[in-house]
């Protein structure tokens, strides 16, 4: 039996007893230890973890992280280009003021 089949079987056995609460929730804590929904909630949580860490899912998350990193790098390089240009302008302003002042003194 595969993990998915085991998960489905245990959940199906518990459903006739009512809704299966989220593992660790107050509703889950309030269930008696013998209630099959209590164990089914643990199985559902375990299956979520198992599915989240499959090789395919890990690759997807890494690809998302790579994409985010590329977007952030583009944004940072754009910021750097802006500030580099601004810095050139900032250096030019004092020279212009000094030159205008000298021209005014000479006039």
N, C-alpha and C. Protein backbone atom coordinates (compact mmCIF):
# COMPACT_ATOMS: atom_id res chain seq x y z
N UNK A 1 0.85 -1.18 0.00
CA UNK A 1 0.00 0.00 0.00
C UNK A 1 0.89 1.25 0.00
N UNK A 2 0.59 2.18 -0.88
CA UNK A 2 1.37 3.43 -0.96
C UNK A 2 0.97 4.36 0.17
N UNK A 3 1.80 5.35 0.46
CA UNK A 3 1.41 6.32 1.50
C UNK A 3 0.08 7.01 1.18
N UNK A 4 -0.13 7.33 -0.10
CA UNK A 4 -1.39 7.98 -0.48
C UNK A 4 -2.58 7.08 -0.22
N UNK A 5 -2.44 5.79 -0.52
CA UNK A 5 -3.53 4.84 -0.30
C UNK A 5 -3.80 4.67 1.20
N UNK A 6 -2.74 4.59 1.98
CA UNK A 6 -2.89 4.47 3.44
C UNK A 6 -3.59 5.70 3.99
N UNK A 7 -3.18 6.85 3.54
CA UNK A 7 -3.80 8.11 3.97
C UNK A 7 -5.29 8.10 3.65
N UNK A 8 -5.62 7.77 2.41
CA UNK A 8 -7.02 7.77 1.97
C UNK A 8 -7.84 6.77 2.78
N UNK A 9 -7.31 5.58 3.00
CA UNK A 9 -8.02 4.54 3.75
C UNK A 9 -8.32 5.00 5.17
N UNK A 10 -7.33 5.53 5.85
CA UNK A 10 -7.52 5.95 7.24
C UNK A 10 -8.48 7.13 7.36
N UNK A 11 -8.39 8.05 6.41
CA UNK A 11 -9.30 9.20 6.42
C UNK A 11 -10.73 8.72 6.14
N UNK A 12 -10.88 7.81 5.18
CA UNK A 12 -12.21 7.28 4.86
C UNK A 12 -12.83 6.55 6.04
N UNK A 13 -12.01 5.87 6.83
CA UNK A 13 -12.52 5.17 8.02
C UNK A 13 -12.98 6.15 9.10
N UNK A 14 -12.36 7.30 9.14
CA UNK A 14 -12.69 8.27 10.19
C UNK A 14 -13.87 9.17 9.81
N UNK A 15 -14.10 9.40 8.55
CA UNK A 15 -15.14 10.36 8.12
C UNK A 15 -16.54 10.06 8.64
N UNK A 16 -16.96 8.82 8.71
CA UNK A 16 -18.31 8.57 9.23
C UNK A 16 -18.52 9.09 10.66
N UNK A 17 -17.44 9.37 11.37
CA UNK A 17 -17.53 9.84 12.75
C UNK A 17 -17.64 11.37 12.82
N UNK A 18 -17.57 12.03 11.67
CA UNK A 18 -17.68 13.50 11.63
C UNK A 18 -16.48 14.11 10.93
N UNK A 19 -16.44 15.44 10.98
CA UNK A 19 -15.33 16.17 10.34
C UNK A 19 -14.02 15.84 11.05
N UNK A 20 -12.96 15.81 10.27
CA UNK A 20 -11.63 15.56 10.82
C UNK A 20 -11.00 16.93 11.12
N UNK A 21 -10.72 17.20 12.38
CA UNK A 21 -10.16 18.52 12.71
C UNK A 21 -8.69 18.61 12.31
N UNK A 22 -8.19 19.82 12.28
CA UNK A 22 -6.77 20.05 12.00
C UNK A 22 -5.97 19.56 13.20
N UNK A 23 -4.91 18.82 12.89
CA UNK A 23 -4.03 18.30 13.94
C UNK A 23 -3.52 19.44 14.82
N UNK A 24 -3.64 19.27 16.11
CA UNK A 24 -3.15 20.26 17.07
C UNK A 24 -4.14 21.36 17.40
N UNK A 25 -5.25 21.43 16.66
CA UNK A 25 -6.25 22.48 16.94
C UNK A 25 -6.99 22.14 18.24
N UNK A 26 -7.76 23.09 18.73
CA UNK A 26 -8.53 22.85 19.95
C UNK A 26 -9.54 21.73 19.72
N UNK A 27 -10.18 21.71 18.53
CA UNK A 27 -11.13 20.63 18.22
C UNK A 27 -10.44 19.28 18.27
N UNK A 28 -9.22 19.21 17.76
CA UNK A 28 -8.47 17.95 17.79
C UNK A 28 -8.15 17.57 19.24
N UNK A 29 -7.73 18.53 20.03
CA UNK A 29 -7.40 18.26 21.45
C UNK A 29 -8.63 17.79 22.23
N UNK A 30 -9.80 18.27 21.83
CA UNK A 30 -11.03 17.91 22.54
C UNK A 30 -11.53 16.50 22.21
N UNK A 31 -11.01 15.89 21.15
CA UNK A 31 -11.45 14.53 20.80
C UNK A 31 -10.91 13.52 21.80
N UNK A 32 -11.70 12.49 22.11
CA UNK A 32 -11.17 11.43 22.96
C UNK A 32 -10.04 10.70 22.24
N UNK A 33 -9.11 10.14 22.99
CA UNK A 33 -7.96 9.45 22.40
C UNK A 33 -8.38 8.30 21.51
N UNK A 34 -9.56 7.74 21.75
CA UNK A 34 -10.01 6.58 20.97
C UNK A 34 -10.78 6.98 19.71
N UNK A 35 -11.03 8.25 19.49
CA UNK A 35 -11.78 8.70 18.31
C UNK A 35 -10.90 8.54 17.07
N UNK A 36 -11.38 7.83 16.05
CA UNK A 36 -10.56 7.61 14.85
C UNK A 36 -10.21 8.91 14.11
N UNK A 37 -10.96 9.97 14.33
CA UNK A 37 -10.65 11.24 13.71
C UNK A 37 -9.36 11.84 14.25
N UNK A 38 -9.06 11.51 15.50
CA UNK A 38 -7.83 12.02 16.12
C UNK A 38 -6.61 11.47 15.38
N UNK A 39 -6.60 10.17 15.13
CA UNK A 39 -5.49 9.56 14.41
C UNK A 39 -5.50 9.99 12.94
N UNK A 40 -6.69 10.11 12.36
CA UNK A 40 -6.79 10.54 10.96
C UNK A 40 -6.18 11.93 10.78
N UNK A 41 -6.38 12.82 11.74
CA UNK A 41 -5.81 14.16 11.66
C UNK A 41 -4.28 14.11 11.67
N UNK A 42 -3.73 13.19 12.46
CA UNK A 42 -2.28 13.02 12.49
C UNK A 42 -1.79 12.51 11.13
N UNK A 43 -2.54 11.57 10.56
CA UNK A 43 -2.18 11.01 9.25
C UNK A 43 -2.25 12.11 8.17
N UNK A 44 -3.28 12.94 8.22
CA UNK A 44 -3.40 14.03 7.25
C UNK A 44 -2.20 14.98 7.37
N UNK A 45 -1.82 15.33 8.60
CA UNK A 45 -0.67 16.22 8.81
C UNK A 45 0.61 15.57 8.31
N UNK A 46 0.77 14.29 8.58
CA UNK A 46 1.97 13.58 8.12
C UNK A 46 2.01 13.54 6.59
N UNK A 47 0.87 13.31 5.97
CA UNK A 47 0.83 13.26 4.50
C UNK A 47 1.16 14.63 3.91
N UNK A 48 0.73 15.69 4.56
CA UNK A 48 1.07 17.04 4.08
C UNK A 48 2.58 17.24 4.10
N UNK A 49 3.23 16.84 5.18
CA UNK A 49 4.68 16.96 5.28
C UNK A 49 5.37 16.09 4.24
N UNK A 50 4.89 14.87 4.07
CA UNK A 50 5.50 13.97 3.10
C UNK A 50 5.40 14.57 1.70
N UNK A 51 4.22 15.06 1.36
CA UNK A 51 4.00 15.63 0.02
C UNK A 51 4.82 16.90 -0.18
N UNK A 52 4.98 17.68 0.86
CA UNK A 52 5.70 18.95 0.76
C UNK A 52 7.20 18.73 0.50
N UNK A 53 7.71 17.61 0.92
CA UNK A 53 9.15 17.36 0.78
C UNK A 53 9.48 16.30 -0.25
N UNK A 54 8.61 16.12 -1.23
CA UNK A 54 8.96 15.24 -2.34
C UNK A 54 10.03 15.95 -3.17
N UNK A 55 10.75 15.19 -3.93
CA UNK A 55 11.82 15.77 -4.76
C UNK A 55 11.25 16.83 -5.71
N UNK A 56 10.09 16.53 -6.28
CA UNK A 56 9.47 17.47 -7.22
C UNK A 56 9.11 18.79 -6.53
N UNK A 57 8.51 18.70 -5.35
CA UNK A 57 8.10 19.91 -4.63
C UNK A 57 9.30 20.73 -4.18
N UNK A 58 10.36 20.05 -3.76
CA UNK A 58 11.58 20.77 -3.36
C UNK A 58 12.16 21.49 -4.57
N UNK A 59 12.18 20.83 -5.72
CA UNK A 59 12.66 21.49 -6.95
C UNK A 59 11.81 22.72 -7.28
N UNK A 60 10.49 22.60 -7.14
CA UNK A 60 9.61 23.74 -7.41
C UNK A 60 9.94 24.92 -6.50
N UNK A 61 10.13 24.63 -5.21
CA UNK A 61 10.44 25.71 -4.28
C UNK A 61 11.80 26.34 -4.59
N UNK A 62 12.77 25.52 -4.97
CA UNK A 62 14.08 26.07 -5.34
C UNK A 62 13.99 26.93 -6.59
N UNK A 63 13.18 26.49 -7.56
CA UNK A 63 12.99 27.29 -8.78
C UNK A 63 12.32 28.61 -8.44
N UNK A 64 11.34 28.58 -7.53
CA UNK A 64 10.69 29.82 -7.10
C UNK A 64 11.69 30.75 -6.41
N UNK A 65 12.55 30.16 -5.59
CA UNK A 65 13.57 30.96 -4.89
C UNK A 65 14.56 31.55 -5.89
N UNK A 66 14.94 30.78 -6.91
CA UNK A 66 15.85 31.29 -7.95
C UNK A 66 15.21 32.45 -8.69
N UNK A 67 13.93 32.31 -9.02
CA UNK A 67 13.22 33.38 -9.73
C UNK A 67 13.16 34.63 -8.87
N UNK A 68 12.82 34.45 -7.60
CA UNK A 68 12.76 35.60 -6.69
C UNK A 68 14.13 36.26 -6.58
N UNK A 69 15.18 35.47 -6.49
CA UNK A 69 16.54 36.03 -6.40
C UNK A 69 16.87 36.82 -7.66
N UNK A 70 16.48 36.30 -8.83
CA UNK A 70 16.76 37.01 -10.08
C UNK A 70 16.01 38.34 -10.13
N UNK A 71 14.77 38.34 -9.69
CA UNK A 71 13.97 39.57 -9.67
C UNK A 71 14.60 40.58 -8.71
N UNK A 72 15.02 40.10 -7.55
CA UNK A 72 15.64 41.01 -6.58
C UNK A 72 16.96 41.56 -7.09
N UNK A 73 17.74 40.72 -7.78
CA UNK A 73 19.02 41.20 -8.34
C UNK A 73 18.78 42.28 -9.38
N UNK A 74 17.76 42.07 -10.23
CA UNK A 74 17.44 43.10 -11.22
C UNK A 74 17.05 44.40 -10.54
N UNK A 75 16.25 44.29 -9.49
CA UNK A 75 15.81 45.49 -8.78
C UNK A 75 17.01 46.20 -8.14
N UNK A 76 17.89 45.44 -7.52
CA UNK A 76 19.06 46.03 -6.88
C UNK A 76 19.97 46.67 -7.92
N UNK A 77 20.18 45.98 -9.04
CA UNK A 77 21.06 46.57 -10.06
C UNK A 77 20.44 47.84 -10.63
N UNK A 78 19.10 47.87 -10.76
CA UNK A 78 18.44 49.10 -11.20
C UNK A 78 18.64 50.21 -10.19
N UNK A 79 18.52 49.87 -8.90
CA UNK A 79 18.74 50.87 -7.84
C UNK A 79 20.18 51.38 -7.89
N UNK A 80 21.13 50.46 -8.08
CA UNK A 80 22.53 50.87 -8.13
C UNK A 80 22.79 51.79 -9.32
N UNK A 81 22.19 51.45 -10.45
CA UNK A 81 22.37 52.30 -11.64
C UNK A 81 21.78 53.69 -11.38
N UNK A 82 20.61 53.73 -10.75
CA UNK A 82 19.99 55.02 -10.44
C UNK A 82 20.90 55.83 -9.53
N UNK A 83 21.36 55.21 -8.44
CA UNK A 83 22.16 55.95 -7.48
C UNK A 83 23.52 56.32 -8.06
N UNK A 84 24.06 55.49 -8.94
CA UNK A 84 25.33 55.85 -9.59
C UNK A 84 25.13 57.10 -10.43
N UNK A 85 24.03 57.16 -11.17
CA UNK A 85 23.72 58.35 -11.97
C UNK A 85 23.47 59.56 -11.09
N UNK A 86 22.76 59.35 -10.01
CA UNK A 86 22.47 60.44 -9.09
C UNK A 86 23.76 60.96 -8.46
N UNK A 87 24.65 60.04 -8.16
CA UNK A 87 25.92 60.43 -7.56
C UNK A 87 26.71 61.32 -8.51
N UNK A 88 26.71 60.97 -9.80
CA UNK A 88 27.38 61.81 -10.79
C UNK A 88 26.78 63.22 -10.79
N UNK A 89 25.45 63.28 -10.74
CA UNK A 89 24.76 64.58 -10.71
C UNK A 89 25.13 65.35 -9.45
N UNK A 90 25.16 64.63 -8.32
CA UNK A 90 25.47 65.28 -7.04
C UNK A 90 26.88 65.87 -7.06
N UNK A 91 27.82 65.17 -7.70
CA UNK A 91 29.18 65.69 -7.79
C UNK A 91 29.25 66.92 -8.70
N UNK A 92 28.43 66.92 -9.73
CA UNK A 92 28.46 68.02 -10.70
C UNK A 92 27.87 69.30 -10.10
N UNK A 93 26.86 69.19 -9.23
CA UNK A 93 26.20 70.37 -8.67
C UNK A 93 27.17 71.25 -7.92
N UNK A 94 27.97 70.73 -7.00
CA UNK A 94 28.91 71.62 -6.30
C UNK A 94 29.90 72.29 -7.26
N UNK A 95 30.36 71.56 -8.28
CA UNK A 95 31.29 72.18 -9.26
C UNK A 95 30.60 73.33 -9.97
N UNK A 96 29.33 73.12 -10.35
CA UNK A 96 28.59 74.17 -11.03
C UNK A 96 28.43 75.40 -10.14
N UNK A 97 28.15 75.15 -8.86
CA UNK A 97 27.99 76.26 -7.91
C UNK A 97 29.30 77.00 -7.72
N UNK A 98 30.35 76.23 -7.57
CA UNK A 98 31.69 76.85 -7.38
C UNK A 98 32.06 77.66 -8.61
N UNK A 99 31.85 77.07 -9.79
CA UNK A 99 32.18 77.78 -11.03
C UNK A 99 31.34 79.04 -11.20
N UNK A 100 30.04 78.91 -10.84
CA UNK A 100 29.16 80.10 -10.95
C UNK A 100 29.62 81.17 -9.96
N UNK A 101 30.05 80.74 -8.78
CA UNK A 101 30.54 81.69 -7.78
C UNK A 101 31.81 82.38 -8.26
N UNK A 102 32.70 81.59 -8.87
CA UNK A 102 33.93 82.19 -9.39
C UNK A 102 33.61 83.16 -10.51
N UNK A 103 32.69 82.77 -11.34
CA UNK A 103 32.31 83.66 -12.45
C UNK A 103 31.72 84.96 -11.90
N UNK A 104 30.94 84.85 -10.83
CA UNK A 104 30.34 86.04 -10.21
C UNK A 104 31.37 86.93 -9.58
N UNK A 105 32.41 86.34 -8.99
CA UNK A 105 33.48 87.11 -8.36
C UNK A 105 34.31 87.81 -9.43
N UNK A 106 34.51 87.10 -10.53
CA UNK A 106 35.30 87.66 -11.59
C UNK A 106 34.58 88.77 -12.33
N UNK A 107 33.25 88.77 -12.24
CA UNK A 107 32.47 89.74 -13.02
C UNK A 107 32.47 91.11 -12.42
